[in-house]
Amino acid sequence: MTDPDTSTVPDGSRGGVTDFLRYLLVLSRPRFWLYLAGPVAVGVTYGVADVSELFTPVTVALAGYFLVPANVYLYGVNDAFDADIDEVNPKKEDREARWRGDRLVALAVVAAGVIGIATFAVTPRVAWPYLAGFFALGAAYSAPPLRFKTTPLADSVSNGLYVLPGAAAYATAAGTHPPLAALAGAWLWTMGMHTFSAIPDIEPDRAAGIRTTATVLGEGWTYVYCFGCWTAASIAFAAVDLRLGALIGVYPVFVAWVATSSVAVDRAYWWFPALNTVIGTLLSMGGLWRVYPITEALG
């Protein structure tokens, strides 16, 4: 999918309904939709006991919400409070939208969050802490007074919010909490992902006076930090299943390659949606084969 040209995206809804929806589309980061919906798919496939439990009204509703509305909420809050900073961020030139929201855009972002409240009504209590954590961290990451994204280390740790939809989906399907080692591994994985994605922003953030884990460490040590997070994530997943650990082991290898090659990090950054989709698909297939062995599928 080709990203729309954000330089022509109108301010809010003044250009009409089509332009307004197009603006929300760009704001929601279509390239990153699976960062929230993907964990839901993985959580469901590992939480169900039978293939018939995969597609239920609740699992489909969770996947639908975290595919689009949750991204409008998450990135809408982010862009609203980063409007001034993003004026000097080159990533906003052609791949992401600068905040141009009027009242209708702000209402759409709030509505996307409010719709999420319905997820509490359709899921069991065991899933609620994960849902609550997602909505709380989704706001606290960008919005004052906490604004974790401007606090070194807290910006990285708080990005565990991306894991929580998957944990909620697992809890919904299984009726119990996900394995602690898997939750820890996934959280460490998101810490590495977030900090790696912050490397292209080091200079713009420094110019804007923003302190992040990446601006404090600098590019070289940020690679080391990401390598450490992803290595620890691989070990944690290996405690659940050695095959999962080996799969996540792709990430420390990848960051080591980027750090020692001539590939520009701002280019490598845009490869991650594809890499994550492949890894997420393989994780989901592993979950499916658990309840529907590949020998039966091939037979």
C-alpha atoms as a PDB file:
ATOM      1  CA  MET A   1       0.000   0.000   0.000  1.00  0.00           C
ATOM      2  CA  THR A   2       1.301   3.463  -0.913  1.00  0.00           C
ATOM      3  CA  ASP A   3       0.998   6.058   1.802  1.00  0.00           C
ATOM      4  CA  PRO A   4      -1.048   9.119   0.844  1.00  0.00           C
ATOM      5  CA  ASP A   5       0.837  12.357   0.260  1.00  0.00           C
ATOM      6  CA  THR A   6       0.463  13.990   3.652  1.00  0.00           C
ATOM      7  CA  SER A   7       1.583  17.380   2.358  1.00  0.00           C
ATOM      8  CA  THR A   8      -1.862  17.833   0.835  1.00  0.00           C
ATOM      9  CA  VAL A   9      -3.910  16.453   3.695  1.00  0.00           C
ATOM     10  CA  PRO A  10      -6.388  19.159   4.689  1.00  0.00           C
ATOM     11  CA  ASP A  11      -6.863  20.589   8.140  1.00  0.00           C
ATOM     12  CA  GLY A  12      -9.524  18.494   9.802  1.00  0.00           C
ATOM     13  CA  SER A  13     -12.772  18.175   7.898  1.00  0.00           C
ATOM     14  CA  ARG A  14     -12.785  21.486   6.062  1.00  0.00           C
ATOM     15  CA  GLY A  15     -12.035  19.723   2.768  1.00  0.00           C
ATOM     16  CA  GLY A  16     -15.064  17.460   3.077  1.00  0.00           C
ATOM     17  CA  VAL A  17     -15.788  14.004   4.431  1.00  0.00           C
ATOM     18  CA  THR A  18     -13.435  12.228   2.031  1.00  0.00           C
ATOM     19  CA  ASP A  19     -10.487  14.431   2.911  1.00  0.00           C
ATOM     20  CA  PHE A  20     -11.305  14.158   6.605  1.00  0.00           C
ATOM     21  CA  LEU A  21     -11.308  10.355   6.454  1.00  0.00           C
ATOM     22  CA  ARG A  22      -8.128  10.438   4.393  1.00  0.00           C
ATOM     23  CA  TYR A  23      -6.488  12.551   7.066  1.00  0.00           C
ATOM     24  CA  LEU A  24      -7.534  10.085   9.792  1.00  0.00           C
ATOM     25  CA  LEU A  25      -6.182   7.249   7.647  1.00  0.00           C
ATOM     26  CA  VAL A  26      -2.754   8.860   7.462  1.00  0.00           C
ATOM     27  CA  LEU A  27      -2.865   9.787  11.150  1.00  0.00           C
ATOM     28  CA  SER A  28      -3.560   6.153  12.106  1.00  0.00           C
ATOM     29  CA  ARG A  29      -0.305   4.944  10.459  1.00  0.00           C
ATOM     30  CA  PRO A  30      -1.594   2.129   8.178  1.00  0.00           C
ATOM     31  CA  ARG A  31       1.925   0.711   7.963  1.00  0.00           C
ATOM     32  CA  PHE A  32       1.773   0.051  11.692  1.00  0.00           C
ATOM     33  CA  TRP A  33      -1.803  -1.218  12.064  1.00  0.00           C
ATOM     34  CA  LEU A  34      -0.580  -4.756  12.706  1.00  0.00           C
ATOM     35  CA  TYR A  35       1.535  -3.574  15.637  1.00  0.00           C
ATOM     36  CA  LEU A  36      -1.676  -3.664  17.698  1.00  0.00           C
ATOM     37  CA  ALA A  37      -3.851  -6.093  15.724  1.00  0.00           C
ATOM     38  CA  GLY A  38      -1.015  -8.581  15.223  1.00  0.00           C
ATOM     39  CA  PRO A  39      -0.564  -9.292  18.937  1.00  0.00           C
ATOM     40  CA  VAL A  40      -4.334  -9.886  19.148  1.00  0.00           C
ATOM     41  CA  ALA A  41      -4.061 -12.564  16.462  1.00  0.00           C
ATOM     42  CA  VAL A  42      -1.096 -14.173  18.214  1.00  0.00           C
ATOM     43  CA  GLY A  43      -2.817 -14.016  21.603  1.00  0.00           C
ATOM     44  CA  VAL A  44      -5.972 -15.665  20.286  1.00  0.00           C
ATOM     45  CA  THR A  45      -4.158 -18.482  18.472  1.00  0.00           C
ATOM     46  CA  TYR A  46      -2.234 -19.403  21.619  1.00  0.00           C
ATOM     47  CA  GLY A  47      -5.223 -18.954  23.926  1.00  0.00           C
ATOM     48  CA  VAL A  48      -7.806 -21.126  22.192  1.00  0.00           C
ATOM     49  CA  ALA A  49      -8.198 -24.823  22.865  1.00  0.00           C
ATOM     50  CA  ASP A  50      -9.879 -25.622  19.560  1.00  0.00           C
ATOM     51  CA  VAL A  51      -9.989 -24.211  16.026  1.00  0.00           C
ATOM     52  CA  SER A  52     -13.698 -23.472  16.434  1.00  0.00           C
ATOM     53  CA  GLU A  53     -12.817 -20.842  19.068  1.00  0.00           C
ATOM     54  CA  LEU A  54     -10.674 -18.734  16.741  1.00  0.00           C
ATOM     55  CA  PHE A  55     -13.406 -16.651  15.153  1.00  0.00           C
ATOM     56  CA  THR A  56     -16.006 -15.698  17.707  1.00  0.00           C
ATOM     57  CA  PRO A  57     -17.870 -12.385  17.974  1.00  0.00           C
ATOM     58  CA  VAL A  58     -15.513 -11.342  20.791  1.00  0.00           C
ATOM     59  CA  THR A  59     -12.227 -12.255  19.095  1.00  0.00           C
ATOM     60  CA  VAL A  60     -13.341 -10.629  15.843  1.00  0.00           C
ATOM     61  CA  ALA A  61     -14.443  -7.493  17.721  1.00  0.00           C
ATOM     62  CA  LEU A  62     -11.073  -7.243  19.483  1.00  0.00           C
ATOM     63  CA  ALA A  63      -9.189  -7.688  16.222  1.00  0.00           C
ATOM     64  CA  GLY A  64     -11.363  -5.073  14.498  1.00  0.00           C
ATOM     65  CA  TYR A  65     -10.960  -2.517  17.252  1.00  0.00           C
ATOM     66  CA  PHE A  66      -7.200  -2.880  17.544  1.00  0.00           C
ATOM     67  CA  LEU A  67      -6.759  -2.857  13.770  1.00  0.00           C
ATOM     68  CA  VAL A  68      -8.016   0.705  13.163  1.00  0.00           C
ATOM     69  CA  PRO A  69      -9.854   2.586  15.960  1.00  0.00           C
ATOM     70  CA  ALA A  70      -7.162   1.858  18.551  1.00  0.00           C
ATOM     71  CA  ASN A  71      -4.544   3.238  16.176  1.00  0.00           C
ATOM     72  CA  VAL A  72      -6.568   6.414  15.662  1.00  0.00           C
ATOM     73  CA  TYR A  73      -6.681   6.784  19.447  1.00  0.00           C
ATOM     74  CA  LEU A  74      -3.018   5.997  20.067  1.00  0.00           C
ATOM     75  CA  TYR A  75      -1.483   8.066  17.283  1.00  0.00           C
ATOM     76  CA  GLY A  76      -4.075  10.817  17.548  1.00  0.00           C
ATOM     77  CA  VAL A  77      -3.093  11.473  21.166  1.00  0.00           C
ATOM     78  CA  ASN A  78       0.561  11.275  20.142  1.00  0.00           C
ATOM     79  CA  ASP A  79       0.244  13.753  17.282  1.00  0.00           C
ATOM     80  CA  ALA A  80      -1.922  16.186  19.229  1.00  0.00           C
ATOM     81  CA  PHE A  81       0.722  16.624  21.928  1.00  0.00           C
ATOM     82  CA  ASP A  82       3.640  16.507  19.483  1.00  0.00           C
ATOM     83  CA  ALA A  83       2.317  19.137  17.080  1.00  0.00           C
ATOM     84  CA  ASP A  84       5.070  21.676  17.743  1.00  0.00           C
ATOM     85  CA  ILE A  85       7.863  19.091  17.791  1.00  0.00           C
ATOM     86  CA  ASP A  86       6.735  17.458  14.566  1.00  0.00           C
ATOM     87  CA  GLU A  87       7.179  20.705  12.655  1.00  0.00           C
ATOM     88  CA  VAL A  88      10.915  19.878  12.445  1.00  0.00           C
ATOM     89  CA  ASN A  89      10.594  16.075  12.169  1.00  0.00           C
ATOM     90  CA  PRO A  90      11.483  14.890   8.623  1.00  0.00           C
ATOM     91  CA  LYS A  91       9.440  11.674   9.073  1.00  0.00           C
ATOM     92  CA  LYS A  92       6.333  13.848   8.899  1.00  0.00           C
ATOM     93  CA  GLU A  93       7.144  15.111   5.406  1.00  0.00           C
ATOM     94  CA  ASP A  94       5.877  12.175   3.380  1.00  0.00           C
ATOM     95  CA  ARG A  95       5.029   9.115   5.484  1.00  0.00           C
ATOM     96  CA  GLU A  96       3.109  10.423   8.480  1.00  0.00           C
ATOM     97  CA  ALA A  97       0.650  13.239   9.112  1.00  0.00           C
ATOM     98  CA  ARG A  98       1.465  16.400  11.002  1.00  0.00           C
ATOM     99  CA  TRP A  99      -1.282  17.292  13.450  1.00  0.00           C
ATOM    100  CA  ARG A 100      -3.729  19.561  11.644  1.00  0.00           C
ATOM    101  CA  GLY A 101      -6.723  18.613  13.688  1.00  0.00           C
ATOM    102  CA  ASP A 102      -9.718  20.809  14.270  1.00  0.00           C
ATOM    103  CA  ARG A 103     -12.481  19.994  16.738  1.00  0.00           C
ATOM    104  CA  LEU A 104     -13.882  17.211  14.568  1.00  0.00           C
ATOM    105  CA  VAL A 105     -10.511  15.472  14.376  1.00  0.00           C
ATOM    106  CA  ALA A 106     -10.082  15.784  18.135  1.00  0.00           C
ATOM    107  CA  LEU A 107     -13.576  14.335  18.607  1.00  0.00           C
ATOM    108  CA  ALA A 108     -12.706  11.424  16.322  1.00  0.00           C
ATOM    109  CA  VAL A 109      -9.651  10.627  18.433  1.00  0.00           C
ATOM    110  CA  VAL A 110     -11.664  10.825  21.655  1.00  0.00           C
ATOM    111  CA  ALA A 111     -14.412   8.684  20.098  1.00  0.00           C
ATOM    112  CA  ALA A 112     -11.852   6.040  19.124  1.00  0.00           C
ATOM    113  CA  GLY A 113     -10.840   5.851  22.776  1.00  0.00           C
ATOM    114  CA  VAL A 114     -14.423   5.799  24.036  1.00  0.00           C
ATOM    115  CA  ILE A 115     -15.304   2.967  21.652  1.00  0.00           C
ATOM    116  CA  GLY A 116     -12.552   0.998  23.330  1.00  0.00           C
ATOM    117  CA  ILE A 117     -14.550   1.028  26.563  1.00  0.00           C
ATOM    118  CA  ALA A 118     -16.882  -1.458  24.893  1.00  0.00           C
ATOM    119  CA  THR A 119     -14.076  -4.016  24.939  1.00  0.00           C
ATOM    120  CA  PHE A 120     -14.503  -4.243  28.702  1.00  0.00           C
ATOM    121  CA  ALA A 121     -18.168  -5.182  28.236  1.00  0.00           C
ATOM    122  CA  VAL A 122     -17.436  -8.153  25.975  1.00  0.00           C
ATOM    123  CA  THR A 123     -14.312  -9.585  27.615  1.00  0.00           C
ATOM    124  CA  PRO A 124     -13.890 -11.520  30.888  1.00  0.00           C
ATOM    125  CA  ARG A 125     -12.496  -9.810  33.978  1.00  0.00           C
ATOM    126  CA  VAL A 126      -9.150 -11.547  33.565  1.00  0.00           C
ATOM    127  CA  ALA A 127      -8.552  -9.454  30.432  1.00  0.00           C
ATOM    128  CA  TRP A 128      -9.437  -6.101  32.002  1.00  0.00           C
ATOM    129  CA  PRO A 129      -6.047  -5.241  33.551  1.00  0.00           C
ATOM    130  CA  TYR A 130      -4.419  -5.561  30.133  1.00  0.00           C
ATOM    131  CA  LEU A 131      -7.064  -3.440  28.437  1.00  0.00           C
ATOM    132  CA  ALA A 132      -6.866  -0.798  31.162  1.00  0.00           C
ATOM    133  CA  GLY A 133      -3.098  -0.783  30.890  1.00  0.00           C
ATOM    134  CA  PHE A 134      -3.261  -0.193  27.147  1.00  0.00           C
ATOM    135  CA  PHE A 135      -5.588   2.810  27.381  1.00  0.00           C
ATOM    136  CA  ALA A 136      -3.738   4.302  30.346  1.00  0.00           C
ATOM    137  CA  LEU A 137      -0.278   3.945  28.817  1.00  0.00           C
ATOM    138  CA  GLY A 138      -1.573   5.008  25.391  1.00  0.00           C
ATOM    139  CA  ALA A 139      -2.460   8.393  26.873  1.00  0.00           C
ATOM    140  CA  ALA A 140       0.333   8.701  29.453  1.00  0.00           C
ATOM    141  CA  TYR A 141       3.008   8.046  26.839  1.00  0.00           C
ATOM    142  CA  SER A 142       2.241  11.307  25.021  1.00  0.00           C
ATOM    143  CA  ALA A 143       0.023  13.439  27.236  1.00  0.00           C
ATOM    144  CA  PRO A 144       1.054  15.549  30.239  1.00  0.00           C
ATOM    145  CA  PRO A 145       1.677  15.352  33.087  1.00  0.00           C
ATOM    146  CA  LEU A 146       3.492  12.011  32.753  1.00  0.00           C
ATOM    147  CA  ARG A 147       4.437  12.180  29.065  1.00  0.00           C
ATOM    148  CA  PHE A 148       6.671   9.133  29.268  1.00  0.00           C
ATOM    149  CA  LYS A 149       8.028   9.690  25.773  1.00  0.00           C
ATOM    150  CA  THR A 150      10.192  12.563  27.030  1.00  0.00           C
ATOM    151  CA  THR A 151      11.672  10.607  29.962  1.00  0.00           C
ATOM    152  CA  PRO A 152      14.665   8.393  29.137  1.00  0.00           C
ATOM    153  CA  LEU A 153      14.050   4.689  29.832  1.00  0.00           C
ATOM    154  CA  ALA A 154      10.399   5.358  30.743  1.00  0.00           C
ATOM    155  CA  ASP A 155       9.775   6.022  27.042  1.00  0.00           C
ATOM    156  CA  SER A 156      11.119   2.568  26.229  1.00  0.00           C
ATOM    157  CA  VAL A 157       9.512   0.649  29.095  1.00  0.00           C
ATOM    158  CA  SER A 158       6.075   2.224  28.593  1.00  0.00           C
ATOM    159  CA  ASN A 159       5.936   0.887  25.046  1.00  0.00           C
ATOM    160  CA  GLY A 160       4.970  -2.444  26.514  1.00  0.00           C
ATOM    161  CA  LEU A 161       1.515  -1.051  25.775  1.00  0.00           C
ATOM    162  CA  TYR A 162       1.769  -2.720  22.361  1.00  0.00           C
ATOM    163  CA  VAL A 163       1.859  -6.123  24.072  1.00  0.00           C
ATOM    164  CA  LEU A 164      -1.289  -5.564  26.101  1.00  0.00           C
ATOM    165  CA  PRO A 165      -3.889  -6.097  23.330  1.00  0.00           C
ATOM    166  CA  GLY A 166      -2.336  -9.514  22.722  1.00  0.00           C
ATOM    167  CA  ALA A 167      -2.332 -10.319  26.431  1.00  0.00           C
ATOM    168  CA  ALA A 168      -5.988  -9.282  26.646  1.00  0.00           C
ATOM    169  CA  ALA A 169      -6.826 -11.465  23.647  1.00  0.00           C
ATOM    170  CA  TYR A 170      -5.033 -14.462  25.174  1.00  0.00           C
ATOM    171  CA  ALA A 171      -6.802 -13.947  28.502  1.00  0.00           C
ATOM    172  CA  THR A 172     -10.138 -13.678  26.699  1.00  0.00           C
ATOM    173  CA  ALA A 173      -9.610 -16.878  24.715  1.00  0.00           C
ATOM    174  CA  ALA A 174      -7.957 -18.941  27.462  1.00  0.00           C
ATOM    175  CA  GLY A 175      -9.770 -17.547  30.491  1.00  0.00           C
ATOM    176  CA  THR A 176      -6.438 -17.151  32.296  1.00  0.00           C
ATOM    177  CA  HIS A 177      -3.376 -14.904  32.276  1.00  0.00           C
ATOM    178  CA  PRO A 178      -0.679 -15.463  29.651  1.00  0.00           C
ATOM    179  CA  PRO A 179       2.579 -17.139  30.734  1.00  0.00           C
ATOM    180  CA  LEU A 180       4.742 -14.656  32.628  1.00  0.00           C
ATOM    181  CA  ALA A 181       7.839 -15.487  30.582  1.00  0.00           C
ATOM    182  CA  ALA A 182       5.968 -14.813  27.328  1.00  0.00           C
ATOM    183  CA  LEU A 183       4.638 -11.521  28.670  1.00  0.00           C
ATOM    184  CA  ALA A 184       8.130 -10.493  29.794  1.00  0.00           C
ATOM    185  CA  GLY A 185       9.640 -11.492  26.465  1.00  0.00           C
ATOM    186  CA  ALA A 186       7.038  -9.575  24.503  1.00  0.00           C
ATOM    187  CA  TRP A 187       7.512  -6.512  26.715  1.00  0.00           C
ATOM    188  CA  LEU A 188      11.293  -6.589  26.170  1.00  0.00           C
ATOM    189  CA  TRP A 189      10.689  -6.961  22.443  1.00  0.00           C
ATOM    190  CA  THR A 190       8.591  -3.780  22.364  1.00  0.00           C
ATOM    191  CA  MET A 191      11.257  -1.917  24.339  1.00  0.00           C
ATOM    192  CA  GLY A 192      13.787  -2.758  21.660  1.00  0.00           C
ATOM    193  CA  MET A 193      11.369  -1.906  18.873  1.00  0.00           C
ATOM    194  CA  HIS A 194      10.518   1.487  20.329  1.00  0.00           C
ATOM    195  CA  THR A 195      14.110   2.497  20.981  1.00  0.00           C
ATOM    196  CA  PHE A 196      15.289   1.355  17.566  1.00  0.00           C
ATOM    197  CA  SER A 197      12.518   3.405  15.940  1.00  0.00           C
ATOM    198  CA  ALA A 198      13.713   6.436  17.900  1.00  0.00           C
ATOM    199  CA  ILE A 199      17.177   6.411  16.306  1.00  0.00           C
ATOM    200  CA  PRO A 200      16.078   8.345  13.177  1.00  0.00           C
ATOM    201  CA  ASP A 201      14.558  10.935  15.532  1.00  0.00           C
ATOM    202  CA  ILE A 202      17.729  11.559  17.546  1.00  0.00           C
ATOM    203  CA  GLU A 203      18.733  14.783  15.791  1.00  0.00           C
ATOM    204  CA  PRO A 204      15.187  16.257  15.470  1.00  0.00           C
ATOM    205  CA  ASP A 205      14.517  15.410  19.120  1.00  0.00           C
ATOM    206  CA  ARG A 206      17.764  16.983  20.247  1.00  0.00           C
ATOM    207  CA  ALA A 207      16.996  20.067  18.190  1.00  0.00           C
ATOM    208  CA  ALA A 208      13.608  20.285  19.898  1.00  0.00           C
ATOM    209  CA  GLY A 209      15.160  19.800  23.358  1.00  0.00           C
ATOM    210  CA  ILE A 210      13.540  16.390  23.899  1.00  0.00           C
ATOM    211  CA  ARG A 211      15.337  13.773  25.985  1.00  0.00           C
ATOM    212  CA  THR A 212      14.703  10.139  25.131  1.00  0.00           C
ATOM    213  CA  THR A 213      16.573   6.906  25.685  1.00  0.00           C
ATOM    214  CA  ALA A 214      18.016   7.262  22.188  1.00  0.00           C
ATOM    215  CA  THR A 215      19.088  10.916  22.556  1.00  0.00           C
ATOM    216  CA  VAL A 216      20.808  10.132  25.854  1.00  0.00           C
ATOM    217  CA  LEU A 217      22.600   7.011  24.604  1.00  0.00           C
ATOM    218  CA  GLY A 218      23.423   8.229  21.117  1.00  0.00           C
ATOM    219  CA  GLU A 219      23.155   6.083  18.008  1.00  0.00           C
ATOM    220  CA  GLY A 220      25.951   3.624  18.783  1.00  0.00           C
ATOM    221  CA  TRP A 221      24.898   2.768  22.330  1.00  0.00           C
ATOM    222  CA  THR A 222      21.241   2.681  21.290  1.00  0.00           C
ATOM    223  CA  TYR A 223      22.096  -0.206  18.977  1.00  0.00           C
ATOM    224  CA  VAL A 224      23.662  -1.960  21.975  1.00  0.00           C
ATOM    225  CA  TYR A 225      20.581  -1.271  24.088  1.00  0.00           C
ATOM    226  CA  CYS A 226      18.261  -2.706  21.413  1.00  0.00           C
ATOM    227  CA  PHE A 227      20.511  -5.732  20.997  1.00  0.00           C
ATOM    228  CA  GLY A 228      20.309  -6.326  24.747  1.00  0.00           C
ATOM    229  CA  CYS A 229      16.512  -5.967  24.855  1.00  0.00           C
ATOM    230  CA  TRP A 230      15.986  -8.337  21.958  1.00  0.00           C
ATOM    231  CA  THR A 231      18.486 -10.884  23.251  1.00  0.00           C
ATOM    232  CA  ALA A 232      16.720 -10.902  26.626  1.00  0.00           C
ATOM    233  CA  ALA A 233      13.367 -11.219  24.822  1.00  0.00           C
ATOM    234  CA  SER A 234      14.660 -14.236  22.915  1.00  0.00           C
ATOM    235  CA  ILE A 235      15.812 -15.879  26.150  1.00  0.00           C
ATOM    236  CA  ALA A 236      12.464 -15.213  27.828  1.00  0.00           C
ATOM    237  CA  PHE A 237      10.524 -16.730  24.924  1.00  0.00           C
ATOM    238  CA  ALA A 238      12.898 -19.697  24.884  1.00  0.00           C
ATOM    239  CA  ALA A 239      11.790 -20.390  28.461  1.00  0.00           C
ATOM    240  CA  VAL A 240       8.309 -20.925  27.030  1.00  0.00           C
ATOM    241  CA  ASP A 241       9.404 -22.798  23.917  1.00  0.00           C
ATOM    242  CA  LEU A 242      12.854 -23.020  22.326  1.00  0.00           C
ATOM    243  CA  ARG A 243      11.336 -22.499  18.896  1.00  0.00           C
ATOM    244  CA  LEU A 244       9.830 -19.185  19.979  1.00  0.00           C
ATOM    245  CA  GLY A 245      13.180 -18.089  21.342  1.00  0.00           C
ATOM    246  CA  ALA A 246      14.880 -18.937  18.053  1.00  0.00           C
ATOM    247  CA  LEU A 247      12.290 -16.964  16.103  1.00  0.00           C
ATOM    248  CA  ILE A 248      12.694 -13.832  18.234  1.00  0.00           C
ATOM    249  CA  GLY A 249      16.461 -14.319  17.913  1.00  0.00           C
ATOM    250  CA  VAL A 250      16.139 -12.823  14.434  1.00  0.00           C
ATOM    251  CA  TYR A 251      15.922  -9.345  15.966  1.00  0.00           C
ATOM    252  CA  PRO A 252      19.302  -9.109  17.732  1.00  0.00           C
ATOM    253  CA  VAL A 253      20.899 -10.484  14.565  1.00  0.00           C
ATOM    254  CA  PHE A 254      19.114  -7.837  12.513  1.00  0.00           C
ATOM    255  CA  VAL A 255      20.118  -4.895  14.704  1.00  0.00           C
ATOM    256  CA  ALA A 256      23.716  -6.126  14.784  1.00  0.00           C
ATOM    257  CA  TRP A 257      23.699  -6.211  10.992  1.00  0.00           C
ATOM    258  CA  VAL A 258      22.259  -2.691  10.697  1.00  0.00           C
ATOM    259  CA  ALA A 259      24.767  -1.346  13.234  1.00  0.00           C
ATOM    260  CA  THR A 260      27.751  -2.801  11.393  1.00  0.00           C
ATOM    261  CA  SER A 261      26.624  -2.284   7.793  1.00  0.00           C
ATOM    262  CA  SER A 262      26.288   0.730   5.536  1.00  0.00           C
ATOM    263  CA  VAL A 263      22.484   0.592   5.629  1.00  0.00           C
ATOM    264  CA  ALA A 264      21.012   3.885   6.854  1.00  0.00           C
ATOM    265  CA  VAL A 265      18.962   3.384  10.010  1.00  0.00           C
ATOM    266  CA  ASP A 266      16.134   5.590   8.746  1.00  0.00           C
ATOM    267  CA  ARG A 267      15.834   3.199   5.805  1.00  0.00           C
ATOM    268  CA  ALA A 268      16.030   0.065   7.965  1.00  0.00           C
ATOM    269  CA  TYR A 269      13.332   1.553  10.202  1.00  0.00           C
ATOM    270  CA  TRP A 270      10.797   1.281   7.389  1.00  0.00           C
ATOM    271  CA  TRP A 271      11.596  -2.400   6.841  1.00  0.00           C
ATOM    272  CA  PHE A 272      10.330  -3.322  10.289  1.00  0.00           C
ATOM    273  CA  PRO A 273       6.617  -3.508   9.437  1.00  0.00           C
ATOM    274  CA  ALA A 274       7.459  -6.220   6.897  1.00  0.00           C
ATOM    275  CA  LEU A 275       9.799  -8.058   9.285  1.00  0.00           C
ATOM    276  CA  ASN A 276       7.277  -7.907  12.104  1.00  0.00           C
ATOM    277  CA  THR A 277       4.508  -9.165   9.807  1.00  0.00           C
ATOM    278  CA  VAL A 278       6.598 -12.185   8.822  1.00  0.00           C
ATOM    279  CA  ILE A 279       7.577 -12.987  12.420  1.00  0.00           C
ATOM    280  CA  GLY A 280       4.018 -12.401  13.653  1.00  0.00           C
ATOM    281  CA  THR A 281       2.632 -14.678  10.946  1.00  0.00           C
ATOM    282  CA  LEU A 282       5.048 -17.441  11.909  1.00  0.00           C
ATOM    283  CA  LEU A 283       4.135 -17.009  15.581  1.00  0.00           C
ATOM    284  CA  SER A 284       0.449 -17.246  14.709  1.00  0.00           C
ATOM    285  CA  MET A 285       1.017 -20.309  12.550  1.00  0.00           C
ATOM    286  CA  GLY A 286       2.801 -21.953  15.470  1.00  0.00           C
ATOM    287  CA  GLY A 287      -0.230 -21.285  17.643  1.00  0.00           C
ATOM    288  CA  LEU A 288      -2.559 -22.682  15.014  1.00  0.00           C
ATOM    289  CA  TRP A 289      -0.516 -25.845  14.582  1.00  0.00           C
ATOM    290  CA  ARG A 290      -0.833 -26.368  18.332  1.00  0.00           C
ATOM    291  CA  VAL A 291      -4.582 -26.917  17.980  1.00  0.00           C
ATOM    292  CA  TYR A 292      -4.597 -28.032  14.355  1.00  0.00           C
ATOM    293  CA  PRO A 293      -1.366 -29.933  13.608  1.00  0.00           C
ATOM    294  CA  ILE A 294       0.196 -29.359  10.210  1.00  0.00           C
ATOM    295  CA  THR A 295      -0.019 -33.111   9.514  1.00  0.00           C
ATOM    296  CA  GLU A 296      -3.798 -32.842   9.641  1.00  0.00           C
ATOM    297  CA  ALA A 297      -3.788 -29.745   7.459  1.00  0.00           C
ATOM    298  CA  LEU A 298      -1.652 -31.456   4.829  1.00  0.00           C
ATOM    299  CA  GLY A 299      -3.630 -34.668   5.100  1.00  0.00           C
END
